[in-house]
Amino acid sequence: MLITIDPSDARPLFEQVGSAVRLAVIRGEVSPGERLPAARDLAEALDVNVNTVLHAYRDLREEGLLELHRGRGATVSAHAARDFARLREQVVQLRAEASRLGVRPATLAAMLTEETP
């Protein structure tokens, strides 16, 4: 699993780290029970504060994708074994339709995250 961050990205660094791990889980690049890099090691590799990585890991734990164990690090949870294939197919279709309509990715993302009544 390759995690990168983009300093020019407007999102906070912890969100970028969390998104990278989340995508790896959804794509099946990491399996349930697999151990993630230690927060300190990942922070050093990314040249960010360890609290940034810990923030991302805690958010992923709250989503049920990671389990955090003091002294043993972070592992991918059994909950992450869900089959995301159908969702991925729907996302591909949605992106294609948005492209056909000329809707930019940022606009599509805003539409997906906006709260509807």
Protein backbone atom coordinates (compact mmCIF):
# COMPACT_ATOMS: atom_id res chain seq x y z
CA MET A 1 0.00 0.00 0.00
CA LEU A 2 1.45 3.30 -1.10
CA ILE A 3 0.38 6.38 0.83
CA THR A 4 1.19 9.80 -0.54
CA ILE A 5 0.13 13.30 0.38
CA ASP A 6 -0.14 16.39 -1.76
CA PRO A 7 0.88 19.62 -0.02
CA SER A 8 -1.09 21.61 -2.61
CA ASP A 9 -4.29 19.71 -1.78
CA ALA A 10 -6.73 21.86 0.19
CA ARG A 11 -7.71 18.93 2.41
CA PRO A 12 -5.99 18.57 5.77
CA LEU A 13 -3.10 16.10 5.81
CA PHE A 14 -4.91 13.67 8.14
CA GLU A 15 -7.79 13.49 5.63
CA GLN A 16 -5.37 12.72 2.81
CA VAL A 17 -3.76 9.92 4.83
CA GLY A 18 -7.19 8.57 5.79
CA SER A 19 -8.40 8.69 2.18
CA ALA A 20 -5.36 6.79 0.97
CA VAL A 21 -5.88 4.02 3.52
CA ARG A 22 -9.64 3.99 2.90
CA LEU A 23 -9.13 3.57 -0.84
CA ALA A 24 -6.62 0.77 -0.28
CA VAL A 25 -9.21 -1.05 1.84
CA ILE A 26 -12.04 -0.51 -0.66
CA ARG A 27 -9.86 -1.62 -3.58
CA GLY A 28 -8.83 -4.75 -1.69
CA GLU A 29 -5.16 -3.75 -1.63
CA VAL A 30 -5.06 -4.55 2.08
CA SER A 31 -6.83 -7.47 3.73
CA PRO A 32 -8.58 -7.86 7.07
CA GLY A 33 -6.02 -8.55 9.77
CA GLU A 34 -3.23 -6.93 7.78
CA ARG A 35 -1.04 -4.64 9.79
CA LEU A 36 -0.57 -1.04 8.69
CA PRO A 37 2.66 0.89 9.14
CA ALA A 38 3.23 2.14 12.66
CA ALA A 39 2.04 5.73 13.01
CA ARG A 40 5.53 6.94 13.84
CA ASP A 41 7.06 5.16 10.81
CA LEU A 42 4.39 6.42 8.44
CA ALA A 43 4.68 9.97 9.79
CA GLU A 44 8.42 9.86 9.23
CA ALA A 45 8.03 8.50 5.69
CA LEU A 46 5.47 11.20 4.83
CA ASP A 47 7.36 13.91 6.70
CA VAL A 48 4.33 14.83 8.81
CA ASN A 49 3.65 14.98 12.53
CA VAL A 50 2.82 11.63 14.14
CA ASN A 51 -0.43 13.15 15.44
CA THR A 52 -1.53 13.64 11.83
CA VAL A 53 -1.28 9.90 11.18
CA LEU A 54 -2.86 9.07 14.54
CA HIS A 55 -5.78 11.38 13.71
CA ALA A 56 -6.31 9.54 10.40
CA TYR A 57 -6.05 6.14 12.08
CA ARG A 58 -8.56 7.14 14.80
CA ASP A 59 -11.04 8.36 12.17
CA LEU A 60 -10.69 5.06 10.30
CA ARG A 61 -11.22 3.18 13.56
CA GLU A 62 -14.45 5.13 14.12
CA GLU A 63 -15.58 4.10 10.62
CA GLY A 64 -14.90 0.48 11.54
CA LEU A 65 -12.12 0.00 8.98
CA LEU A 66 -9.23 -0.24 11.44
CA GLU A 67 -8.58 -1.71 14.84
CA LEU A 68 -6.02 0.04 17.02
CA HIS A 69 -4.08 -1.94 19.61
CA ARG A 70 -1.73 -0.23 22.01
CA GLY A 71 1.76 -1.53 21.37
CA ARG A 72 0.70 -3.61 18.36
CA GLY A 73 -0.36 -0.85 15.99
CA ALA A 74 -3.20 -0.65 13.52
CA THR A 75 -4.72 -3.57 11.66
CA VAL A 76 -7.44 -3.71 9.03
CA SER A 77 -10.68 -4.82 10.71
CA ALA A 78 -12.85 -7.75 9.73
CA HIS A 79 -15.56 -5.17 8.94
CA ALA A 80 -13.38 -4.01 6.05
CA ALA A 81 -13.89 -7.36 4.29
CA ARG A 82 -17.20 -6.20 2.87
CA ASP A 83 -17.49 -6.55 -0.85
CA PHE A 84 -17.27 -3.10 -2.37
CA ALA A 85 -17.42 -4.35 -5.99
CA ARG A 86 -21.01 -3.23 -6.60
CA LEU A 87 -20.35 0.17 -5.08
CA ARG A 88 -17.22 0.58 -7.21
CA GLU A 89 -19.24 -0.25 -10.33
CA GLN A 90 -21.86 2.34 -9.42
CA VAL A 91 -19.16 4.95 -8.82
CA VAL A 92 -17.67 4.26 -12.25
CA GLN A 93 -21.11 4.70 -13.81
CA LEU A 94 -21.73 7.89 -11.83
CA ARG A 95 -18.38 9.36 -12.87
CA ALA A 96 -19.09 8.50 -16.51
CA GLU A 97 -22.50 10.19 -16.35
CA ALA A 98 -21.03 13.24 -14.63
CA SER A 99 -18.36 13.46 -17.32
CA ARG A 100 -21.01 13.16 -20.05
CA LEU A 101 -22.90 16.07 -18.47
CA GLY A 102 -19.75 18.14 -18.00
CA VAL A 103 -19.90 18.00 -14.21
CA ARG A 104 -16.44 18.46 -12.72
CA PRO A 105 -15.16 15.97 -10.10
CA ALA A 106 -15.16 18.63 -7.37
CA THR A 107 -18.81 19.42 -8.08
CA LEU A 108 -19.70 15.73 -8.07
CA ALA A 109 -17.90 15.30 -4.74
CA ALA A 110 -19.83 18.25 -3.30
CA MET A 111 -23.08 16.71 -4.52
CA LEU A 112 -22.20 13.40 -2.84
CA THR A 113 -21.36 15.00 0.47
CA GLU A 114 -24.16 17.53 0.71
CA GLU A 115 -26.87 16.74 3.20
CA THR A 116 -30.27 16.22 1.66
CA PRO A 117 -33.50 16.80 3.54
